[in-house]
Protein backbone atom coordinates (compact mmCIF):
# COMPACT_ATOMS: atom_id res chain seq x y z
CA MET A 1 0.00 0.00 0.00
CA SER A 2 1.24 3.50 -0.81
CA GLN A 3 2.35 5.82 1.98
CA ILE A 4 2.28 9.61 2.27
CA VAL A 5 5.68 11.11 3.16
CA PRO A 6 5.77 14.72 4.40
CA ALA A 7 8.56 16.78 2.79
CA ILE A 8 10.23 19.80 4.38
CA LEU A 9 12.08 22.29 2.17
CA GLU A 10 13.47 25.25 4.13
CA GLN A 11 16.41 27.63 3.90
CA THR A 12 16.85 28.31 7.62
CA LYS A 13 17.00 26.31 10.82
CA ASP A 14 14.12 28.31 12.32
CA GLY A 15 11.96 27.69 9.27
CA PHE A 16 12.78 23.99 9.35
CA ASN A 17 11.98 23.67 13.04
CA GLN A 18 8.65 25.43 12.59
CA ARG A 19 7.61 23.05 9.80
CA LEU A 20 8.97 20.05 11.67
CA SER A 21 6.95 20.88 14.79
CA LEU A 22 3.79 20.65 12.69
CA VAL A 23 4.78 17.43 10.93
CA LEU A 24 5.68 15.66 14.17
CA LYS A 25 2.12 16.22 15.41
CA ILE A 26 0.64 14.18 12.56
CA PRO A 27 -0.86 10.93 13.90
CA GLY A 28 0.36 7.95 11.88
CA VAL A 29 3.27 9.60 10.08
CA GLU A 30 6.23 7.21 9.83
CA ARG A 31 8.61 8.69 7.31
CA ILE A 32 9.76 12.27 6.71
CA GLN A 33 11.81 13.72 3.86
CA VAL A 34 14.12 16.72 4.28
CA ASP A 35 15.30 18.58 1.17
CA PHE A 36 18.86 19.86 0.80
CA GLY A 37 20.16 22.11 -1.96
CA ASP A 38 23.59 23.57 -2.68
CA GLY A 39 22.59 26.54 -4.85
CA GLU A 40 24.39 24.86 -7.76
CA PHE A 41 22.48 21.73 -8.73
CA ILE A 42 19.35 23.73 -7.90
CA GLU A 43 19.23 27.51 -7.75
CA ASN A 44 18.15 27.62 -4.11
CA LYS A 45 20.57 27.05 -1.26
CA LEU A 46 18.71 25.22 1.48
CA LEU A 47 19.33 24.36 5.11
CA SER A 48 22.58 22.45 5.72
CA ALA A 49 22.66 19.18 7.66
CA ALA A 50 25.52 20.68 9.69
CA ASP A 51 23.04 23.24 11.09
CA MET A 52 20.44 20.69 12.14
CA ASP A 53 19.81 19.13 15.54
CA THR A 54 19.68 15.37 16.05
CA LEU A 55 16.51 13.90 14.57
CA ASN A 56 13.94 11.89 16.50
CA PRO A 57 14.80 8.20 15.91
CA ALA A 58 11.14 7.22 16.20
CA PHE A 59 10.74 8.27 12.55
CA ASN A 60 12.29 7.09 9.31
CA TRP A 61 14.22 10.05 7.90
CA GLU A 62 15.29 10.51 4.29
CA ALA A 63 17.59 13.23 3.01
CA HIS A 64 16.93 14.39 -0.55
CA LEU A 65 20.29 15.71 -1.73
CA MET A 66 19.70 18.14 -4.58
CA VAL A 67 23.41 18.86 -4.75
CA LYS A 68 26.15 18.41 -7.34
CA GLU A 69 28.40 15.38 -6.80
CA PRO A 70 27.69 14.86 -3.08
CA LYS A 71 30.65 13.27 -1.30
CA ASP A 72 30.62 13.97 2.44
CA PHE A 73 27.79 12.26 4.31
CA LEU A 74 29.01 12.46 7.90
CA ASP A 75 26.68 15.32 8.89
CA TYR A 76 23.67 13.31 7.68
CA GLN A 77 24.85 10.37 9.76
CA ILE A 78 25.24 12.56 12.85
CA CYS A 79 21.73 13.97 12.37
CA GLY A 80 20.25 10.48 12.21
CA PHE A 81 19.09 10.09 8.63
CA ASN A 82 18.21 6.57 7.48
CA THR A 83 18.10 7.03 3.69
CA LEU A 84 20.12 9.28 1.38
CA ILE A 85 18.71 10.18 -2.04
CA VAL A 86 21.13 11.44 -4.69
CA HIS A 87 20.35 12.60 -8.22
CA TYR A 88 21.42 10.77 -11.35
CA GLU A 89 21.99 14.13 -13.05
CA ALA A 90 24.34 15.33 -10.30
CA PHE A 91 27.17 13.06 -11.49
CA ALA A 92 29.48 13.24 -14.48
CA SER A 93 29.07 9.51 -15.15
CA ALA A 94 27.11 6.45 -14.09
CA ALA A 95 30.35 5.07 -12.67
CA GLU A 96 30.64 8.03 -10.28
CA LEU A 97 27.02 7.57 -9.25
CA LYS A 98 27.54 3.87 -8.55
CA LYS A 99 30.65 4.66 -6.50
CA THR A 100 28.69 7.14 -4.39
CA LEU A 101 25.79 4.74 -3.87
CA ASN A 102 28.28 2.16 -2.59
CA GLU A 103 29.83 4.70 -0.21
CA ILE A 104 26.38 5.54 1.14
CA LYS A 105 25.70 1.86 1.82
CA LYS A 106 29.06 1.40 3.56
CA MET A 107 28.12 4.20 5.97
CA GLY A 108 25.01 2.31 7.02
CA PHE A 109 22.38 4.26 5.08
CA LYS A 110 19.85 2.97 2.60
CA ASN A 111 20.67 4.49 -0.78
CA ALA A 112 18.31 5.92 -3.36
CA VAL A 113 18.65 7.58 -6.73
CA ALA A 114 16.37 10.27 -8.14
CA ILE A 115 15.75 11.30 -11.74
CA ASN A 116 14.52 14.67 -12.98
CA PRO A 117 11.42 15.06 -15.18
CA ASP A 118 13.41 15.24 -18.42
CA THR A 119 15.49 12.12 -17.65
CA SER A 120 14.37 8.75 -19.01
CA VAL A 121 13.91 5.86 -16.57
CA ASN A 122 16.07 3.79 -18.93
CA VAL A 123 19.24 5.44 -17.60
CA LEU A 124 18.64 3.53 -14.36
CA LYS A 125 18.51 0.03 -15.83
CA ASP A 126 22.04 -0.78 -14.62
CA ILE A 127 21.85 1.29 -11.42
CA ILE A 128 21.09 -0.86 -8.38
CA ALA A 129 19.76 1.01 -5.35
CA ASP A 130 17.48 0.39 -2.39
CA GLU A 131 14.99 2.94 -3.66
CA TYR A 132 14.24 5.05 -6.73
CA LEU A 133 12.62 8.49 -6.83
CA VAL A 134 10.76 10.01 -9.77
CA MET A 135 10.63 13.80 -9.70
CA SER A 136 7.22 15.05 -10.84
CA VAL A 137 8.39 18.69 -10.90
CA VAL A 138 11.70 20.42 -11.61
CA PRO A 139 13.58 19.99 -8.31
CA GLY A 140 14.23 22.80 -5.88
CA LYS A 141 10.95 24.62 -5.29
CA GLN A 142 7.71 23.64 -3.59
CA GLY A 143 4.34 24.60 -5.02
CA GLN A 144 4.94 23.60 -8.64
CA GLU A 145 2.38 21.85 -10.83
CA PHE A 146 2.49 18.06 -11.07
CA ILE A 147 3.80 16.93 -14.49
CA ALA A 148 1.08 14.87 -16.18
CA SER A 149 3.44 12.30 -17.72
CA THR A 150 4.73 11.22 -14.29
CA PRO A 151 2.37 8.23 -13.74
CA GLN A 152 3.58 6.63 -16.98
CA LYS A 153 7.15 7.17 -15.88
CA ILE A 154 6.39 5.40 -12.60
CA ARG A 155 4.89 2.48 -14.52
CA ASP A 156 7.95 2.29 -16.77
CA LEU A 157 10.26 2.27 -13.75
CA ARG A 158 8.17 -0.46 -12.12
CA LYS A 159 8.71 -2.61 -15.21
CA LEU A 160 12.47 -2.18 -14.82
CA PHE A 161 12.43 -2.90 -11.08
CA PRO A 162 9.32 -4.94 -10.16
CA HIS A 163 10.25 -5.29 -6.50
CA ALA A 164 11.94 -1.95 -5.80
CA ILE A 165 10.67 0.81 -3.55
CA ILE A 166 9.57 3.66 -5.81
CA GLU A 167 8.93 7.18 -4.58
CA VAL A 168 7.40 10.16 -6.36
CA ASP A 169 8.06 13.75 -5.36
CA GLY A 170 6.74 17.12 -6.48
CA GLY A 171 3.41 18.84 -7.00
CA ILE A 172 1.45 16.14 -5.19
CA ASN A 173 -1.94 17.13 -3.80
CA ILE A 174 -5.27 15.55 -3.00
CA GLY A 175 -6.27 15.80 -6.67
CA ASN A 176 -3.41 13.73 -8.10
CA ALA A 177 -2.03 11.60 -5.25
CA LYS A 178 -4.21 8.67 -6.35
CA LEU A 179 -2.69 8.79 -9.85
CA ALA A 180 0.77 8.22 -8.37
CA ALA A 181 -0.46 5.42 -6.12
CA VAL A 182 -2.28 3.58 -8.92
CA ALA A 183 0.79 3.91 -11.16
CA GLY A 184 2.82 1.99 -8.59
CA ALA A 185 4.49 4.51 -6.27
CA ASP A 186 5.14 3.10 -2.80
CA LEU A 187 6.08 6.45 -1.26
CA ILE A 188 4.26 9.65 -2.19
CA CYS A 189 6.16 12.71 -1.06
CA VAL A 190 4.02 15.78 -0.31
CA GLY A 191 5.44 19.22 0.38
CA SER A 192 3.45 22.44 0.28
CA ALA A 193 0.02 20.78 -0.03
CA LEU A 194 0.69 19.26 3.38
CA VAL A 195 3.15 21.32 5.40
CA LYS A 196 1.55 24.64 4.39
CA ALA A 197 -2.03 23.47 4.94
CA PRO A 198 -4.14 25.29 7.56
CA ASP A 199 -4.63 21.98 9.39
CA VAL A 200 -1.63 19.73 8.74
CA PRO A 201 -2.94 16.55 10.48
CA LYS A 202 -6.27 16.87 8.62
CA ALA A 203 -4.45 17.36 5.30
CA PHE A 204 -2.38 14.23 5.96
CA GLU A 205 -5.54 12.27 6.80
CA ASP A 206 -7.26 13.45 3.63
CA LEU A 207 -4.24 12.59 1.45
CA THR A 208 -3.97 9.15 3.02
CA SER A 209 -7.65 8.51 2.37
CA ALA A 210 -7.28 9.71 -1.22
CA ILE A 211 -4.72 7.02 -2.10
CA LEU A 212 -6.61 4.07 -0.63
């Protein structure tokens, strides 16, 4: 069954903590994504893991690294992240990506690889990871419109990896979350439609009901 994953994208520690305080009050939430950006791979520079406090180990934490050629993962380990997501497009070659995915595993994380909307799922056919993420918007900003071709992309990825964990991220709301679930997404990452809702727990409940 598909699962809603709250996503937090913030530029400051105070902003992050404010959003996090709302997310942690959601009954039934198990997994939380935190977005990181270096101002190079994406135009926005986001909160650094070095500036974060230790995360509550009662939750499953994933770090979405929208950064160019990420190499140092110690700060994410100190914070308490469980899964690190890197982008296929952030590396000069598939060999460099594979090397980084291996390094992530050696540090005790689950590894995941994301692809941008204009990247074909076929580039991943020789990339083995614990999880795969399909971006349904251009990465880096919350509040964008869900790209209509995304469900087909999820289906194509599922054909490549029948038993993999597949996540979708970007522009998800109550009107399209079901499309992602039916297409085969296990994890449905929701940012502004959830964390900026007037009643965050109610929004999470409604999104969860929408994908059943």
